[in-house]
C-alpha atoms as a PDB file:
ATOM      1  CA  MET A   1     102.713  86.033  90.561  1.00  0.00           C
ATOM      2  CA  LEU A   2     102.368  89.779  91.091  1.00  0.00           C
ATOM      3  CA  VAL A   3      99.885  89.888  88.228  1.00  0.00           C
ATOM      4  CA  GLN A   4      97.774  87.205  89.945  1.00  0.00           C
ATOM      5  CA  GLY A   5      97.794  89.239  93.142  1.00  0.00           C
ATOM      6  CA  ARG A   6      96.007  92.044  91.331  1.00  0.00           C
ATOM      7  CA  LYS A   7      93.223  89.959  89.794  1.00  0.00           C
ATOM      8  CA  PRO A   8      89.703  90.532  91.132  1.00  0.00           C
ATOM      9  CA  GLY A   9      88.782  88.076  93.853  1.00  0.00           C
ATOM     10  CA  THR A  10      92.343  87.404  95.001  1.00  0.00           C
ATOM     11  CA  PRO A  11      93.223  88.253  98.599  1.00  0.00           C
ATOM     12  CA  GLY A  12      94.618  91.674  99.331  1.00  0.00           C
ATOM     13  CA  LEU A  13      97.711  92.526 101.311  1.00  0.00           C
ATOM     14  CA  ALA A  14      95.719  92.892 104.551  1.00  0.00           C
ATOM     15  CA  ASP A  15      94.170  89.439 104.091  1.00  0.00           C
ATOM     16  CA  ARG A  16      97.581  87.900 103.420  1.00  0.00           C
ATOM     17  CA  ALA A  17      99.186  89.662 106.405  1.00  0.00           C
ATOM     18  CA  GLY A  18      96.351  88.500 108.640  1.00  0.00           C
ATOM     19  CA  ALA A  19      96.782  84.940 107.404  1.00  0.00           C
ATOM     20  CA  LEU A  20     100.507  84.803 108.254  1.00  0.00           C
ATOM     21  CA  PRO A  21     100.140  84.109 112.006  1.00  0.00           C
ATOM     22  CA  ARG A  22      97.468  81.454 111.352  1.00  0.00           C
ATOM     23  CA  MET A  23      99.611  79.880 108.637  1.00  0.00           C
ATOM     24  CA  VAL A  24     102.720  79.744 110.832  1.00  0.00           C
ATOM     25  CA  ALA A  25     100.752  78.368 113.783  1.00  0.00           C
ATOM     26  CA  GLY A  26      99.135  75.744 111.558  1.00  0.00           C
ATOM     27  CA  ALA A  27     102.496  74.720 110.117  1.00  0.00           C
ATOM     28  CA  LEU A  28     104.126  74.458 113.543  1.00  0.00           C
ATOM     29  CA  THR A  29     101.291  72.383 115.000  1.00  0.00           C
ATOM     30  CA  GLY A  30     101.120  70.123 111.953  1.00  0.00           C
ATOM     31  CA  ARG A  31      97.534  71.099 111.209  1.00  0.00           C
ATOM     32  CA  TYR A  32      98.633  72.798 107.964  1.00  0.00           C
ATOM     33  CA  SER A  33     101.068  70.300 106.494  1.00  0.00           C
ATOM     34  CA  VAL A  34     101.412  72.008 103.104  1.00  0.00           C
ATOM     35  CA  LEU A  35     103.986  74.409 104.561  1.00  0.00           C
ATOM     36  CA  THR A  36     106.809  72.202 105.758  1.00  0.00           C
ATOM     37  CA  ARG A  37     109.016  73.160 108.670  1.00  0.00           C
ATOM     38  CA  GLY A  38     111.968  73.339 106.269  1.00  0.00           C
ATOM     39  CA  ARG A  39     110.187  75.853 104.036  1.00  0.00           C
ATOM     40  CA  LEU A  40     109.068  77.802 107.094  1.00  0.00           C
ATOM     41  CA  ALA A  41     112.660  77.867 108.336  1.00  0.00           C
ATOM     42  CA  MET A  42     113.816  79.247 104.974  1.00  0.00           C
ATOM     43  CA  LEU A  43     111.249  82.066 105.213  1.00  0.00           C
ATOM     44  CA  VAL A  44     112.349  82.912 108.763  1.00  0.00           C
ATOM     45  CA  LEU A  45     116.029  82.849 107.763  1.00  0.00           C
ATOM     46  CA  ALA A  46     115.326  85.198 104.840  1.00  0.00           C
ATOM     47  CA  VAL A  47     113.625  87.701 107.154  1.00  0.00           C
ATOM     48  CA  ALA A  48     116.462  87.388 109.670  1.00  0.00           C
ATOM     49  CA  TYR A  49     119.018  87.988 106.909  1.00  0.00           C
ATOM     50  CA  LEU A  50     117.260  91.139 105.753  1.00  0.00           C
ATOM     51  CA  VAL A  51     116.958  92.673 109.235  1.00  0.00           C
ATOM     52  CA  SER A  52     120.338  91.502 110.541  1.00  0.00           C
ATOM     53  CA  PRO A  53     122.731  94.304 111.525  1.00  0.00           C
ATOM     54  CA  VAL A  54     125.630  92.088 110.381  1.00  0.00           C
ATOM     55  CA  ASP A  55     124.368  92.541 106.837  1.00  0.00           C
ATOM     56  CA  LEU A  56     125.155  96.267 107.065  1.00  0.00           C
ATOM     57  CA  VAL A  57     128.877  95.547 106.638  1.00  0.00           C
ATOM     58  CA  PRO A  58     128.672  94.665 102.911  1.00  0.00           C
ATOM     59  CA  GLU A  59     126.511  97.739 102.290  1.00  0.00           C
ATOM     60  CA  ALA A  60     129.041  99.971 104.056  1.00  0.00           C
ATOM     61  CA  VAL A  61     131.997  98.489 102.170  1.00  0.00           C
ATOM     62  CA  LEU A  62     130.507  97.789  98.764  1.00  0.00           C
ATOM     63  CA  SER A  63     127.914 100.576  98.591  1.00  0.00           C
ATOM     64  CA  VAL A  64     125.224  99.789  96.013  1.00  0.00           C
ATOM     65  CA  PHE A  65     126.710  96.386  95.201  1.00  0.00           C
ATOM     66  CA  GLY A  66     126.140  95.325  98.803  1.00  0.00           C
ATOM     67  CA  LEU A  67     122.415  95.858  98.302  1.00  0.00           C
ATOM     68  CA  ILE A  68     122.183  93.372  95.430  1.00  0.00           C
ATOM     69  CA  ASP A  69     122.101  90.333  97.722  1.00  0.00           C
ATOM     70  CA  ASP A  70     119.390  92.001  99.803  1.00  0.00           C
ATOM     71  CA  GLY A  71     117.409  92.615  96.637  1.00  0.00           C
ATOM     72  CA  PHE A  72     117.554  88.967  95.619  1.00  0.00           C
ATOM     73  CA  ILE A  73     116.545  87.795  99.086  1.00  0.00           C
ATOM     74  CA  ALA A  74     113.701  90.338  99.288  1.00  0.00           C
ATOM     75  CA  LEU A  75     112.374  89.323  95.858  1.00  0.00           C
ATOM     76  CA  TRP A  76     112.496  85.637  96.741  1.00  0.00           C
ATOM     77  CA  LEU A  77     110.849  86.269 100.106  1.00  0.00           C
ATOM     78  CA  GLY A  78     108.092  88.406  98.599  1.00  0.00           C
ATOM     79  CA  GLY A  79     107.311  85.809  95.946  1.00  0.00           C
ATOM     80  CA  ALA A  80     107.429  82.956  98.433  1.00  0.00           C
ATOM     81  CA  LEU A  81     105.078  84.777 100.812  1.00  0.00           C
ATOM     82  CA  LEU A  82     102.636  85.476  97.983  1.00  0.00           C
ATOM     83  CA  VAL A  83     102.619  81.804  97.000  1.00  0.00           C
ATOM     84  CA  GLU A  84     102.404  80.452 100.543  1.00  0.00           C
ATOM     85  CA  THR A  85      99.679  82.818 101.721  1.00  0.00           C
ATOM     86  CA  GLN A  86      97.633  82.076  98.590  1.00  0.00           C
ATOM     87  CA  ARG A  87      97.942  78.332  99.236  1.00  0.00           C
ATOM     88  CA  PHE A  88      96.989  78.795 102.881  1.00  0.00           C
ATOM     89  CA  LEU A  89      93.980  80.988 102.140  1.00  0.00           C
ATOM     90  CA  ASP A  90      92.829  78.494  99.494  1.00  0.00           C
ATOM     91  CA  TRP A  91      93.306  75.705 102.051  1.00  0.00           C
ATOM     92  CA  GLU A  92      91.204  77.589 104.595  1.00  0.00           C
ATOM     93  CA  ARG A  93      88.528  78.406 102.028  1.00  0.00           C
ATOM     94  CA  ASP A  94      88.300  74.778 100.911  1.00  0.00           C
ATOM     95  CA  GLY A  95      87.567  73.567 104.430  1.00  0.00           C
ATOM     96  CA  HIS A  96      91.045  72.343 105.375  1.00  0.00           C
ATOM     97  CA  PRO A  97      91.370  69.430 102.965  1.00  0.00           C
ATOM     98  CA  THR A  98      94.024  66.887 103.773  1.00  0.00           C
ATOM     99  CA  VAL A  99      95.385  63.941 101.844  1.00  0.00           C
ATOM    100  CA  VAL A 100      95.102  60.552 103.511  1.00  0.00           C
ATOM    101  CA  ASP A 101      96.470  57.530 101.637  1.00  0.00           C
ATOM    102  CA  GLY A 102      96.240  59.390  98.331  1.00  0.00           C
ATOM    103  CA  ASP A 103      92.584  60.442  98.830  1.00  0.00           C
ATOM    104  CA  LEU A 104      91.481  64.038  99.414  1.00  0.00           C
ATOM    105  CA  VAL A 105      89.574  64.270 102.684  1.00  0.00           C
ATOM    106  CA  HIS A 106      87.900  67.401 104.071  1.00  0.00           C
ATOM    107  CA  ALA A 107      88.477  67.790 107.805  1.00  0.00           C
END
């Protein structure tokens, strides 16, 4: 996925960061149904885990080994954000298509 992020014509980091608030708002209001509330909750929990001061305890006790779990979470979160922002930007570009009774409808 990182290779795709570097292809010409793909959104840059600024575009993706700018899309995050719109994507979250769309998911919460139900306007953007591709990102489910469960998936959104997982993304929020991953961020909370990485910034949580409670997570400093394993790093203090286990040194480098305590950082391994943070590394896995950060990699998953980065990949998930790349995928989700790409889907959202494609959704916006395509005129907000939605699926109604199995048929693609542009709203």
